[in-house]
Amino acid sequence: METKKQFKDRFQDALDAAGKNRAQLSRETGISESMLSHYAAGKYIPRNKKLVAISNALNVAPGWLLFGEEATANDSADALIETYEILTPENKKHLLRYAAYLKALEEQEADDGIQAR
């Protein structure tokens, strides 16, 4: 049975697939080589802007880097919780507001569907 890969493994896979090394990635993203080494060793996981910069430079989705490709409904909920936990307090507020907005949209769509019948 294959063990689920960790962030550090997906990070290295993405670097290899892009044909880049950490020095090149550092120049492209502005993230220090020492910080990239910490990510590669699994000591830290990049947050927000750094994650997006790395994902863009390596041409992979931020969600794939953080959580891997195979996502079930439970994995998605866990991923959302993990993402929430690493956000700044301000971004946590933004995420909660956006979730409330999406919920309201779905409720409105459901109400509109009922009224249209």
PDB file of N, CA and C in Angstrom:
ATOM      1  N   MET A   1       0.843  -1.186   0.000  1.00  0.00           N
ATOM      2  CA  MET A   1       0.000   0.000   0.000  1.00  0.00           C
ATOM      3  C   MET A   1       0.885   1.245   0.000  1.00  0.00           C
ATOM      4  N   GLU A   2       0.585   2.148  -0.903  1.00  0.00           N
ATOM      5  CA  GLU A   2       1.399   3.357  -1.041  1.00  0.00           C
ATOM      6  C   GLU A   2       1.039   4.377   0.035  1.00  0.00           C
ATOM      7  N   THR A   3       2.058   4.970   0.631  1.00  0.00           N
ATOM      8  CA  THR A   3       1.848   5.999   1.632  1.00  0.00           C
ATOM      9  C   THR A   3       1.513   7.308   0.928  1.00  0.00           C
ATOM     10  N   LYS A   4       0.575   8.039   1.487  1.00  0.00           N
ATOM     11  CA  LYS A   4       0.208   9.332   0.909  1.00  0.00           C
ATOM     12  C   LYS A   4       1.403  10.276   0.999  1.00  0.00           C
ATOM     13  N   LYS A   5       1.687  10.932  -0.105  1.00  0.00           N
ATOM     14  CA  LYS A   5       2.814  11.854  -0.136  1.00  0.00           C
ATOM     15  C   LYS A   5       2.534  13.086   0.708  1.00  0.00           C
ATOM     16  N   GLN A   6       3.598  13.621   1.264  1.00  0.00           N
ATOM     17  CA  GLN A   6       3.517  14.852   2.042  1.00  0.00           C
ATOM     18  C   GLN A   6       3.849  16.034   1.146  1.00  0.00           C
ATOM     19  N   PHE A   7       3.628  17.231   1.689  1.00  0.00           N
ATOM     20  CA  PHE A   7       3.931  18.444   0.933  1.00  0.00           C
ATOM     21  C   PHE A   7       5.354  18.411   0.395  1.00  0.00           C
ATOM     22  N   LYS A   8       6.315  18.056   1.234  1.00  0.00           N
ATOM     23  CA  LYS A   8       7.717  18.095   0.813  1.00  0.00           C
ATOM     24  C   LYS A   8       7.960  17.202  -0.404  1.00  0.00           C
ATOM     25  N   ASP A   9       7.253  16.074  -0.473  1.00  0.00           N
ATOM     26  CA  ASP A   9       7.415  15.157  -1.602  1.00  0.00           C
ATOM     27  C   ASP A   9       6.818  15.755  -2.878  1.00  0.00           C
ATOM     28  N   ARG A  10       5.626  16.345  -2.762  1.00  0.00           N
ATOM     29  CA  ARG A  10       4.998  16.968  -3.927  1.00  0.00           C
ATOM     30  C   ARG A  10       5.804  18.184  -4.385  1.00  0.00           C
ATOM     31  N   PHE A  11       6.366  18.913  -3.426  1.00  0.00           N
ATOM     32  CA  PHE A  11       7.218  20.062  -3.753  1.00  0.00           C
ATOM     33  C   PHE A  11       8.406  19.603  -4.595  1.00  0.00           C
ATOM     34  N   GLN A  12       9.061  18.547  -4.166  1.00  0.00           N
ATOM     35  CA  GLN A  12      10.221  18.034  -4.903  1.00  0.00           C
ATOM     36  C   GLN A  12       9.796  17.486  -6.264  1.00  0.00           C
ATOM     37  N   ASP A  13       8.661  16.789  -6.309  1.00  0.00           N
ATOM     38  CA  ASP A  13       8.152  16.271  -7.583  1.00  0.00           C
ATOM     39  C   ASP A  13       7.897  17.413  -8.568  1.00  0.00           C
ATOM     40  N   ALA A  14       7.306  18.500  -8.074  1.00  0.00           N
ATOM     41  CA  ALA A  14       7.007  19.648  -8.934  1.00  0.00           C
ATOM     42  C   ALA A  14       8.287  20.326  -9.417  1.00  0.00           C
ATOM     43  N   LEU A  15       9.259  20.437  -8.524  1.00  0.00           N
ATOM     44  CA  LEU A  15      10.560  21.003  -8.926  1.00  0.00           C
ATOM     45  C   LEU A  15      11.182  20.162 -10.036  1.00  0.00           C
ATOM     46  N   ASP A  16      11.187  18.849  -9.832  1.00  0.00           N
ATOM     47  CA  ASP A  16      11.775  17.938 -10.820  1.00  0.00           C
ATOM     48  C   ASP A  16      11.036  18.027 -12.155  1.00  0.00           C
ATOM     49  N   ALA A  17       9.703  18.007 -12.097  1.00  0.00           N
ATOM     50  CA  ALA A  17       8.899  18.059 -13.317  1.00  0.00           C
ATOM     51  C   ALA A  17       9.127  19.363 -14.081  1.00  0.00           C
ATOM     52  N   ALA A  18       9.357  20.449 -13.354  1.00  0.00           N
ATOM     53  CA  ALA A  18       9.602  21.750 -13.983  1.00  0.00           C
ATOM     54  C   ALA A  18      11.051  21.878 -14.453  1.00  0.00           C
ATOM     55  N   GLY A  19      11.888  20.920 -14.069  1.00  0.00           N
ATOM     56  CA  GLY A  19      13.298  20.978 -14.449  1.00  0.00           C
ATOM     57  C   GLY A  19      14.038  22.119 -13.790  1.00  0.00           C
ATOM     58  N   LYS A  20      13.649  22.423 -12.555  1.00  0.00           N
ATOM     59  CA  LYS A  20      14.255  23.549 -11.847  1.00  0.00           C
ATOM     60  C   LYS A  20      14.900  23.069 -10.559  1.00  0.00           C
ATOM     61  N   ASN A  21      15.810  23.894 -10.065  1.00  0.00           N
ATOM     62  CA  ASN A  21      16.374  23.642  -8.741  1.00  0.00           C
ATOM     63  C   ASN A  21      15.941  24.780  -7.815  1.00  0.00           C
ATOM     64  N   ARG A  22      16.300  24.650  -6.560  1.00  0.00           N
ATOM     65  CA  ARG A  22      15.853  25.654  -5.584  1.00  0.00           C
ATOM     66  C   ARG A  22      16.435  27.044  -5.854  1.00  0.00           C
ATOM     67  N   ALA A  23      17.642  27.100  -6.374  1.00  0.00           N
ATOM     68  CA  ALA A  23      18.236  28.401  -6.678  1.00  0.00           C
ATOM     69  C   ALA A  23      17.425  29.120  -7.759  1.00  0.00           C
ATOM     70  N   GLN A  24      17.029  28.386  -8.791  1.00  0.00           N
ATOM     71  CA  GLN A  24      16.210  28.980  -9.853  1.00  0.00           C
ATOM     72  C   GLN A  24      14.848  29.414  -9.304  1.00  0.00           C
ATOM     73  N   LEU A  25      14.257  28.548  -8.502  1.00  0.00           N
ATOM     74  CA  LEU A  25      12.956  28.869  -7.922  1.00  0.00           C
ATOM     75  C   LEU A  25      13.047  30.099  -7.018  1.00  0.00           C
ATOM     76  N   SER A  26      14.134  30.205  -6.292  1.00  0.00           N
ATOM     77  CA  SER A  26      14.349  31.354  -5.423  1.00  0.00           C
ATOM     78  C   SER A  26      14.384  32.646  -6.241  1.00  0.00           C
ATOM     79  N   ARG A  27      15.109  32.621  -7.340  1.00  0.00           N
ATOM     80  CA  ARG A  27      15.205  33.811  -8.197  1.00  0.00           C
ATOM     81  C   ARG A  27      13.833  34.177  -8.784  1.00  0.00           C
ATOM     82  N   GLU A  28      13.058  33.168  -9.150  1.00  0.00           N
ATOM     83  CA  GLU A  28      11.759  33.421  -9.773  1.00  0.00           C
ATOM     84  C   GLU A  28      10.706  33.907  -8.781  1.00  0.00           C
ATOM     85  N   THR A  29      10.799  33.450  -7.556  1.00  0.00           N
ATOM     86  CA  THR A  29       9.748  33.755  -6.577  1.00  0.00           C
ATOM     87  C   THR A  29      10.131  34.812  -5.554  1.00  0.00           C
ATOM     88  N   GLY A  30      11.428  35.039  -5.388  1.00  0.00           N
ATOM     89  CA  GLY A  30      11.879  35.964  -4.353  1.00  0.00           C
ATOM     90  C   GLY A  30      11.912  35.333  -2.966  1.00  0.00           C
ATOM     91  N   ILE A  31      11.676  34.027  -2.900  1.00  0.00           N
ATOM     92  CA  ILE A  31      11.730  33.297  -1.628  1.00  0.00           C
ATOM     93  C   ILE A  31      13.159  32.806  -1.446  1.00  0.00           C
ATOM     94  N   SER A  32      13.714  33.012  -0.271  1.00  0.00           N
ATOM     95  CA  SER A  32      15.110  32.647  -0.048  1.00  0.00           C
ATOM     96  C   SER A  32      15.340  31.143  -0.246  1.00  0.00           C
ATOM     97  N   GLU A  33      16.538  30.811  -0.687  1.00  0.00           N
ATOM     98  CA  GLU A  33      16.893  29.400  -0.844  1.00  0.00           C
ATOM     99  C   GLU A  33      16.818  28.660   0.483  1.00  0.00           C
ATOM    100  N   SER A  34      17.151  29.325   1.568  1.00  0.00           N
ATOM    101  CA  SER A  34      17.094  28.657   2.869  1.00  0.00           C
ATOM    102  C   SER A  34      15.655  28.309   3.237  1.00  0.00           C
ATOM    103  N   MET A  35      14.705  29.193   2.926  1.00  0.00           N
ATOM    104  CA  MET A  35      13.300  28.890   3.201  1.00  0.00           C
ATOM    105  C   MET A  35      12.826  27.752   2.306  1.00  0.00           C
ATOM    106  N   LEU A  36      13.233  27.776   1.045  1.00  0.00           N
ATOM    107  CA  LEU A  36      12.872  26.674   0.145  1.00  0.00           C
ATOM    108  C   LEU A  36      13.455  25.352   0.644  1.00  0.00           C
ATOM    109  N   SER A  37      14.636  25.394   1.230  1.00  0.00           N
ATOM    110  CA  SER A  37      15.239  24.189   1.805  1.00  0.00           C
ATOM    111  C   SER A  37      14.415  23.679   2.983  1.00  0.00           C
ATOM    112  N   HIS A  38      13.887  24.587   3.776  1.00  0.00           N
ATOM    113  CA  HIS A  38      13.008  24.193   4.887  1.00  0.00           C
ATOM    114  C   HIS A  38      11.743  23.512   4.357  1.00  0.00           C
ATOM    115  N   TYR A  39      11.182  24.047   3.260  1.00  0.00           N
ATOM    116  CA  TYR A  39       9.998  23.430   2.661  1.00  0.00           C
ATOM    117  C   TYR A  39      10.343  22.030   2.153  1.00  0.00           C
ATOM    118  N   ALA A  40      11.488  21.925   1.485  1.00  0.00           N
ATOM    119  CA  ALA A  40      11.904  20.634   0.923  1.00  0.00           C
ATOM    120  C   ALA A  40      12.179  19.594   2.006  1.00  0.00           C
ATOM    121  N   ALA A  41      12.589  20.048   3.174  1.00  0.00           N
ATOM    122  CA  ALA A  41      12.879  19.132   4.278  1.00  0.00           C
ATOM    123  C   ALA A  41      11.625  18.807   5.097  1.00  0.00           C
ATOM    124  N   GLY A  42      10.550  19.498   4.812  1.00  0.00           N
ATOM    125  CA  GLY A  42       9.315  19.260   5.550  1.00  0.00           C
ATOM    126  C   GLY A  42       9.246  19.985   6.885  1.00  0.00           C
ATOM    127  N   LYS A  43      10.136  20.935   7.099  1.00  0.00           N
ATOM    128  CA  LYS A  43      10.120  21.688   8.358  1.00  0.00           C
ATOM    129  C   LYS A  43       8.994  22.714   8.390  1.00  0.00           C
ATOM    130  N   TYR A  44       8.698  23.286   7.246  1.00  0.00           N
ATOM    131  CA  TYR A  44       7.653  24.288   7.124  1.00  0.00           C
ATOM    132  C   TYR A  44       6.839  24.034   5.862  1.00  0.00           C
ATOM    133  N   ILE A  45       5.645  24.592   5.837  1.00  0.00           N
ATOM    134  CA  ILE A  45       4.799  24.586   4.651  1.00  0.00           C
ATOM    135  C   ILE A  45       4.532  26.049   4.322  1.00  0.00           C
ATOM    136  N   PRO A  46       4.680  26.436   3.053  1.00  0.00           N
ATOM    137  CA  PRO A  46       4.483  27.847   2.707  1.00  0.00           C
ATOM    138  C   PRO A  46       3.052  28.293   2.928  1.00  0.00           C
ATOM    139  N   ARG A  47       2.925  29.549   3.262  1.00  0.00           N
ATOM    140  CA  ARG A  47       1.610  30.136   3.486  1.00  0.00           C
ATOM    141  C   ARG A  47       1.277  31.082   2.346  1.00  0.00           C
ATOM    142  N   ASN A  48       0.018  31.254   2.142  1.00  0.00           N
ATOM    143  CA  ASN A  48      -0.597  32.205   1.239  1.00  0.00           C
ATOM    144  C   ASN A  48       0.232  32.639   0.030  1.00  0.00           C
ATOM    145  N   LYS A  49       0.840  33.825   0.086  1.00  0.00           N
ATOM    146  CA  LYS A  49       1.522  34.406  -1.064  1.00  0.00           C
ATOM    147  C   LYS A  49       2.690  33.545  -1.538  1.00  0.00           C
ATOM    148  N   LYS A  50       3.422  32.966  -0.607  1.00  0.00           N
ATOM    149  CA  LYS A  50       4.562  32.132  -0.998  1.00  0.00           C
ATOM    150  C   LYS A  50       4.087  30.856  -1.688  1.00  0.00           C
ATOM    151  N   LEU A  51       3.002  30.288  -1.202  1.00  0.00           N
ATOM    152  CA  LEU A  51       2.448  29.090  -1.832  1.00  0.00           C
ATOM    153  C   LEU A  51       2.016  29.396  -3.262  1.00  0.00           C
ATOM    154  N   VAL A  52       1.360  30.504  -3.453  1.00  0.00           N
ATOM    155  CA  VAL A  52       0.907  30.894  -4.786  1.00  0.00           C
ATOM    156  C   VAL A  52       2.103  31.165  -5.698  1.00  0.00           C
ATOM    157  N   ALA A  53       3.113  31.841  -5.185  1.00  0.00           N
ATOM    158  CA  ALA A  53       4.307  32.133  -5.991  1.00  0.00           C
ATOM    159  C   ALA A  53       4.991  30.843  -6.428  1.00  0.00           C
ATOM    160  N   ILE A  54       5.126  29.904  -5.505  1.00  0.00           N
ATOM    161  CA  ILE A  54       5.761  28.616  -5.837  1.00  0.00           C
ATOM    162  C   ILE A  54       4.915  27.863  -6.851  1.00  0.00           C
ATOM    163  N   SER A  55       3.619  27.813  -6.631  1.00  0.00           N
ATOM    164  CA  SER A  55       2.714  27.107  -7.538  1.00  0.00           C
ATOM    165  C   SER A  55       2.782  27.687  -8.945  1.00  0.00           C
ATOM    166  N   ASN A  56       2.774  29.004  -9.035  1.00  0.00           N
ATOM    167  CA  ASN A  56       2.856  29.653 -10.345  1.00  0.00           C
ATOM    168  C   ASN A  56       4.173  29.341 -11.041  1.00  0.00           C
ATOM    169  N   ALA A  57       5.259  29.416 -10.297  1.00  0.00           N
ATOM    170  CA  ALA A  57       6.578  29.179 -10.889  1.00  0.00           C
ATOM    171  C   ALA A  57       6.748  27.729 -11.335  1.00  0.00           C
ATOM    172  N   LEU A  58       6.088  26.800 -10.634  1.00  0.00           N
ATOM    173  CA  LEU A  58       6.222  25.377 -10.959  1.00  0.00           C
ATOM    174  C   LEU A  58       5.059  24.869 -11.808  1.00  0.00           C
ATOM    175  N   ASN A  59       4.125  25.770 -12.117  1.00  0.00           N
ATOM    176  CA  ASN A  59       2.975  25.440 -12.959  1.00  0.00           C
ATOM    177  C   ASN A  59       2.141  24.284 -12.396  1.00  0.00           C
ATOM    178  N   VAL A  60       1.850  24.363 -11.101  1.00  0.00           N
ATOM    179  CA  VAL A  60       0.980  23.390 -10.440  1.00  0.00           C
ATOM    180  C   VAL A  60      -0.046  24.149  -9.606  1.00  0.00           C
ATOM    181  N   ALA A  61      -1.116  23.473  -9.264  1.00  0.00           N
ATOM    182  CA  ALA A  61      -2.153  24.106  -8.447  1.00  0.00           C
ATOM    183  C   ALA A  61      -1.713  24.160  -6.991  1.00  0.00           C
ATOM    184  N   PRO A  62      -1.998  25.267  -6.292  1.00  0.00           N
ATOM    185  CA  PRO A  62      -1.648  25.348  -4.872  1.00  0.00           C
ATOM    186  C   PRO A  62      -2.268  24.215  -4.053  1.00  0.00           C
ATOM    187  N   GLY A  63      -3.494  23.851  -4.378  1.00  0.00           N
ATOM    188  CA  GLY A  63      -4.161  22.760  -3.659  1.00  0.00           C
ATOM    189  C   GLY A  63      -3.461  21.432  -3.839  1.00  0.00           C
ATOM    190  N   TRP A  64      -2.922  21.219  -5.036  1.00  0.00           N
ATOM    191  CA  TRP A  64      -2.182  19.977  -5.263  1.00  0.00           C
ATOM    192  C   TRP A  64      -0.915  19.963  -4.397  1.00  0.00           C
ATOM    193  N   LEU A  65      -0.213  21.083  -4.366  1.00  0.00           N
ATOM    194  CA  LEU A  65       1.002  21.135  -3.546  1.00  0.00           C
ATOM    195  C   LEU A  65       0.687  20.864  -2.079  1.00  0.00           C
ATOM    196  N   LEU A  66      -0.384  21.468  -1.588  1.00  0.00           N
ATOM    197  CA  LEU A  66      -0.717  21.304  -0.175  1.00  0.00           C
ATOM    198  C   LEU A  66      -1.276  19.927   0.157  1.00  0.00           C
ATOM    199  N   PHE A  67      -2.190  19.429  -0.691  1.00  0.00           N
ATOM    200  CA  PHE A  67      -2.972  18.267  -0.281  1.00  0.00           C
ATOM    201  C   PHE A  67      -2.926  17.075  -1.222  1.00  0.00           C
ATOM    202  N   GLY A  68      -2.378  17.208  -2.405  1.00  0.00           N
ATOM    203  CA  GLY A  68      -2.358  16.102  -3.360  1.00  0.00           C
ATOM    204  C   GLY A  68      -3.590  16.121  -4.245  1.00  0.00           C
ATOM    205  N   GLU A  69      -3.584  15.271  -5.255  1.00  0.00           N
ATOM    206  CA  GLU A  69      -4.646  15.293  -6.262  1.00  0.00           C
ATOM    207  C   GLU A  69      -5.915  14.563  -5.856  1.00  0.00           C
ATOM    208  N   GLU A  70      -5.768  13.429  -5.235  1.00  0.00           N
ATOM    209  CA  GLU A  70      -6.940  12.619  -4.944  1.00  0.00           C
ATOM    210  C   GLU A  70      -7.676  13.173  -3.734  1.00  0.00           C
ATOM    211  N   ALA A  71      -8.862  13.685  -3.985  1.00  0.00           N
ATOM    212  CA  ALA A  71      -9.628  14.282  -2.897  1.00  0.00           C
ATOM    213  C   ALA A  71     -11.033  13.699  -2.857  1.00  0.00           C
ATOM    214  N   THR A  72     -11.398  13.155  -1.726  1.00  0.00           N
ATOM    215  CA  THR A  72     -12.768  12.716  -1.499  1.00  0.00           C
ATOM    216  C   THR A  72     -13.490  13.848  -0.787  1.00  0.00           C
ATOM    217  N   ALA A  73     -14.762  13.673  -0.540  1.00  0.00           N
ATOM    218  CA  ALA A  73     -15.512  14.712   0.175  1.00  0.00           C
ATOM    219  C   ALA A  73     -14.908  14.950   1.554  1.00  0.00           C
ATOM    220  N   ASN A  74     -14.527  13.882   2.252  1.00  0.00           N
ATOM    221  CA  ASN A  74     -13.914  14.049   3.574  1.00  0.00           C
ATOM    222  C   ASN A  74     -12.557  14.728   3.463  1.00  0.00           C
ATOM    223  N   ASP A  75     -11.783  14.358   2.426  1.00  0.00           N
ATOM    224  CA  ASP A  75     -10.483  14.996   2.230  1.00  0.00           C
ATOM    225  C   ASP A  75     -10.660  16.479   1.959  1.00  0.00           C
ATOM    226  N   SER A  76     -11.691  16.825   1.186  1.00  0.00           N
ATOM    227  CA  SER A  76     -11.937  18.229   0.869  1.00  0.00           C
ATOM    228  C   SER A  76     -12.275  19.016   2.131  1.00  0.00           C
ATOM    229  N   ALA A  77     -13.096  18.426   2.995  1.00  0.00           N
ATOM    230  CA  ALA A  77     -13.435  19.099   4.250  1.00  0.00           C
ATOM    231  C   ALA A  77     -12.188  19.237   5.117  1.00  0.00           C
ATOM    232  N   ASP A  78     -11.388  18.178   5.177  1.00  0.00           N
ATOM    233  CA  ASP A  78     -10.141  18.246   5.943  1.00  0.00           C
ATOM    234  C   ASP A  78      -9.203  19.292   5.353  1.00  0.00           C
ATOM    235  N   ALA A  79      -9.127  19.351   4.026  1.00  0.00           N
ATOM    236  CA  ALA A  79      -8.269  20.328   3.362  1.00  0.00           C
ATOM    237  C   ALA A  79      -8.723  21.749   3.665  1.00  0.00           C
ATOM    238  N   LEU A  80     -10.032  21.944   3.688  1.00  0.00           N
ATOM    239  CA  LEU A  80     -10.555  23.266   4.000  1.00  0.00           C
ATOM    240  C   LEU A  80     -10.197  23.663   5.426  1.00  0.00           C
ATOM    241  N   ILE A  81     -10.319  22.728   6.343  1.00  0.00           N
ATOM    242  CA  ILE A  81      -9.962  22.994   7.744  1.00  0.00           C
ATOM    243  C   ILE A  81      -8.473  23.280   7.867  1.00  0.00           C
ATOM    244  N   GLU A  82      -7.644  22.471   7.195  1.00  0.00           N
ATOM    245  CA  GLU A  82      -6.193  22.694   7.246  1.00  0.00           C
ATOM    246  C   GLU A  82      -5.829  24.057   6.662  1.00  0.00           C
ATOM    247  N   THR A  83      -6.487  24.417   5.586  1.00  0.00           N
ATOM    248  CA  THR A  83      -6.224  25.717   4.968  1.00  0.00           C
ATOM    249  C   THR A  83      -6.625  26.845   5.910  1.00  0.00           C
ATOM    250  N   TYR A  84      -7.810  26.709   6.493  1.00  0.00           N
ATOM    251  CA  TYR A  84      -8.288  27.718   7.439  1.00  0.00           C
ATOM    252  C   TYR A  84      -7.287  27.920   8.572  1.00  0.00           C
ATOM    253  N   GLU A  85      -6.757  26.817   9.087  1.00  0.00           N
ATOM    254  CA  GLU A  85      -5.851  26.891  10.236  1.00  0.00           C
ATOM    255  C   GLU A  85      -4.551  27.626   9.939  1.00  0.00           C
ATOM    256  N   ILE A  86      -4.104  27.625   8.684  1.00  0.00           N
ATOM    257  CA  ILE A  86      -2.836  28.296   8.375  1.00  0.00           C
ATOM    258  C   ILE A  86      -3.024  29.744   7.935  1.00  0.00           C
ATOM    259  N   LEU A  87      -4.276  30.180   7.793  1.00  0.00           N
ATOM    260  CA  LEU A  87      -4.530  31.556   7.371  1.00  0.00           C
ATOM    261  C   LEU A  87      -4.297  32.551   8.501  1.00  0.00           C
ATOM    262  N   THR A  88      -4.024  33.766   8.101  1.00  0.00           N
ATOM    263  CA  THR A  88      -3.932  34.851   9.074  1.00  0.00           C
ATOM    264  C   THR A  88      -5.340  35.125   9.604  1.00  0.00           C
ATOM    265  N   PRO A  89      -5.450  35.754  10.777  1.00  0.00           N
ATOM    266  CA  PRO A  89      -6.787  36.071  11.301  1.00  0.00           C
ATOM    267  C   PRO A  89      -7.643  36.862  10.314  1.00  0.00           C
ATOM    268  N   GLU A  90      -7.040  37.801   9.625  1.00  0.00           N
ATOM    269  CA  GLU A  90      -7.785  38.599   8.650  1.00  0.00           C
ATOM    270  C   GLU A  90      -8.296  37.736   7.501  1.00  0.00           C
ATOM    271  N   ASN A  91      -7.456  36.843   6.987  1.00  0.00           N
ATOM    272  CA  ASN A  91      -7.881  35.982   5.886  1.00  0.00           C
ATOM    273  C   ASN A  91      -8.896  34.940   6.341  1.00  0.00           C
ATOM    274  N   LYS A  92      -8.846  34.546   7.612  1.00  0.00           N
ATOM    275  CA  LYS A  92      -9.877  33.653   8.144  1.00  0.00           C
ATOM    276  C   LYS A  92     -11.237  34.335   8.059  1.00  0.00           C
ATOM    277  N   LYS A  93     -11.270  35.635   8.391  1.00  0.00           N
ATOM    278  CA  LYS A  93     -12.526  36.385   8.299  1.00  0.00           C
ATOM    279  C   LYS A  93     -13.022  36.431   6.863  1.00  0.00           C
ATOM    280  N   HIS A  94     -12.098  36.659   5.918  1.00  0.00           N
ATOM    281  CA  HIS A  94     -12.474  36.701   4.502  1.00  0.00           C
ATOM    282  C   HIS A  94     -13.056  35.357   4.052  1.00  0.00           C
ATOM    283  N   LEU A  95     -12.419  34.277   4.459  1.00  0.00           N
ATOM    284  CA  LEU A  95     -12.881  32.946   4.072  1.00  0.00           C
ATOM    285  C   LEU A  95     -14.278  32.684   4.629  1.00  0.00           C
ATOM    286  N   LEU A  96     -14.498  33.025   5.882  1.00  0.00           N
ATOM    287  CA  LEU A  96     -15.812  32.808   6.488  1.00  0.00           C
ATOM    288  C   LEU A  96     -16.881  33.658   5.813  1.00  0.00           C
ATOM    289  N   ARG A  97     -16.540  34.901   5.470  1.00  0.00           N
ATOM    290  CA  ARG A  97     -17.495  35.756   4.760  1.00  0.00           C
ATOM    291  C   ARG A  97     -17.832  35.179   3.385  1.00  0.00           C
ATOM    292  N   TYR A  98     -16.809  34.674   2.709  1.00  0.00           N
ATOM    293  CA  TYR A  98     -17.032  34.090   1.378  1.00  0.00           C
ATOM    294  C   TYR A  98     -17.898  32.830   1.489  1.00  0.00           C
ATOM    295  N   ALA A  99     -17.657  32.010   2.490  1.00  0.00           N
ATOM    296  CA  ALA A  99     -18.478  30.812   2.703  1.00  0.00           C
ATOM    297  C   ALA A  99     -19.930  31.199   2.968  1.00  0.00           C
ATOM    298  N   ALA A 100     -20.139  32.228   3.772  1.00  0.00           N
ATOM    299  CA  ALA A 100     -21.498  32.699   4.051  1.00  0.00           C
ATOM    300  C   ALA A 100     -22.157  33.215   2.773  1.00  0.00           C
ATOM    301  N   TYR A 101     -21.391  33.898   1.956  1.00  0.00           N
ATOM    302  CA  TYR A 101     -21.893  34.398   0.675  1.00  0.00           C
ATOM    303  C   TYR A 101     -22.324  33.243  -0.227  1.00  0.00           C
ATOM    304  N   LEU A 102     -21.465  32.210  -0.348  1.00  0.00           N
ATOM    305  CA  LEU A 102     -21.805  31.055  -1.173  1.00  0.00           C
ATOM    306  C   LEU A 102     -23.047  30.334  -0.658  1.00  0.00           C
ATOM    307  N   LYS A 103     -23.149  30.215   0.646  1.00  0.00           N
ATOM    308  CA  LYS A 103     -24.319  29.576   1.247  1.00  0.00           C
ATOM    309  C   LYS A 103     -25.582  30.359   0.903  1.00  0.00           C
ATOM    310  N   ALA A 104     -25.514  31.674   1.015  1.00  0.00           N
ATOM    311  CA  ALA A 104     -26.669  32.520   0.692  1.00  0.00           C
ATOM    312  C   ALA A 104     -27.049  32.384  -0.786  1.00  0.00           C
ATOM    313  N   LEU A 105     -26.055  32.312  -1.663  1.00  0.00           N
ATOM    314  CA  LEU A 105     -26.337  32.123  -3.092  1.00  0.00           C
ATOM    315  C   LEU A 105     -27.070  30.811  -3.335  1.00  0.00           C
ATOM    316  N   GLU A 106     -26.588  29.743  -2.712  1.00  0.00           N
ATOM    317  CA  GLU A 106     -27.227  28.437  -2.892  1.00  0.00           C
ATOM    318  C   GLU A 106     -28.638  28.435  -2.337  1.00  0.00           C
ATOM    319  N   GLU A 107     -28.836  29.072  -1.209  1.00  0.00           N
ATOM    320  CA  GLU A 107     -30.181  29.154  -0.638  1.00  0.00           C
ATOM    321  C   GLU A 107     -31.105  29.941  -1.551  1.00  0.00           C
ATOM    322  N   GLN A 108     -30.593  31.013  -2.133  1.00  0.00           N
ATOM    323  CA  GLN A 108     -31.396  31.816  -3.055  1.00  0.00           C
ATOM    324  C   GLN A 108     -31.736  31.008  -4.303  1.00  0.00           C
ATOM    325  N   GLU A 109     -30.761  30.279  -4.830  1.00  0.00           N
ATOM    326  CA  GLU A 109     -31.008  29.442  -6.005  1.00  0.00           C
ATOM    327  C   GLU A 109     -32.051  28.377  -5.692  1.00  0.00           C
ATOM    328  N   ALA A 110     -31.983  27.795  -4.507  1.00  0.00           N
ATOM    329  CA  ALA A 110     -32.969  26.781  -4.109  1.00  0.00           C
ATOM    330  C   ALA A 110     -34.350  27.409  -4.003  1.00  0.00           C
ATOM    331  N   ASP A 111     -34.441  28.599  -3.415  1.00  0.00           N
ATOM    332  CA  ASP A 111     -35.729  29.303  -3.313  1.00  0.00           C
ATOM    333  C   ASP A 111     -36.272  29.641  -4.694  1.00  0.00           C
ATOM    334  N   ASP A 112     -35.404  30.106  -5.583  1.00  0.00           N
ATOM    335  CA  ASP A 112     -35.832  30.442  -6.944  1.00  0.00           C
ATOM    336  C   ASP A 112     -36.327  29.199  -7.666  1.00  0.00           C
ATOM    337  N   GLY A 113     -35.692  28.075  -7.444  1.00  0.00           N
ATOM    338  CA  GLY A 113     -36.099  26.818  -8.080  1.00  0.00           C
ATOM    339  C   GLY A 113     -37.473  26.381  -7.610  1.00  0.00           C
ATOM    340  N   ILE A 114     -37.749  26.560  -6.336  1.00  0.00           N
ATOM    341  CA  ILE A 114     -39.045  26.191  -5.774  1.00  0.00           C
ATOM    342  C   ILE A 114     -40.128  27.109  -6.309  1.00  0.00           C
ATOM    343  N   GLN A 115     -39.834  28.408  -6.406  1.00  0.00           N
ATOM    344  CA  GLN A 115     -40.829  29.375  -6.872  1.00  0.00           C
ATOM    345  C   GLN A 115     -41.134  29.199  -8.350  1.00  0.00           C
ATOM    346  N   ALA A 116     -40.149  28.728  -9.119  1.00  0.00           N
ATOM    347  CA  ALA A 116     -40.335  28.602 -10.564  1.00  0.00           C
ATOM    348  C   ALA A 116     -41.258  27.438 -10.925  1.00  0.00           C
ATOM    349  N   ARG A 117     -41.486  26.519 -10.028  1.00  0.00           N
ATOM    350  CA  ARG A 117     -42.316  25.345 -10.343  1.00  0.00           C
ATOM    351  C   ARG A 117     -43.740  25.638 -10.343  1.00  0.00           C
TER     352      ARG A 117
END
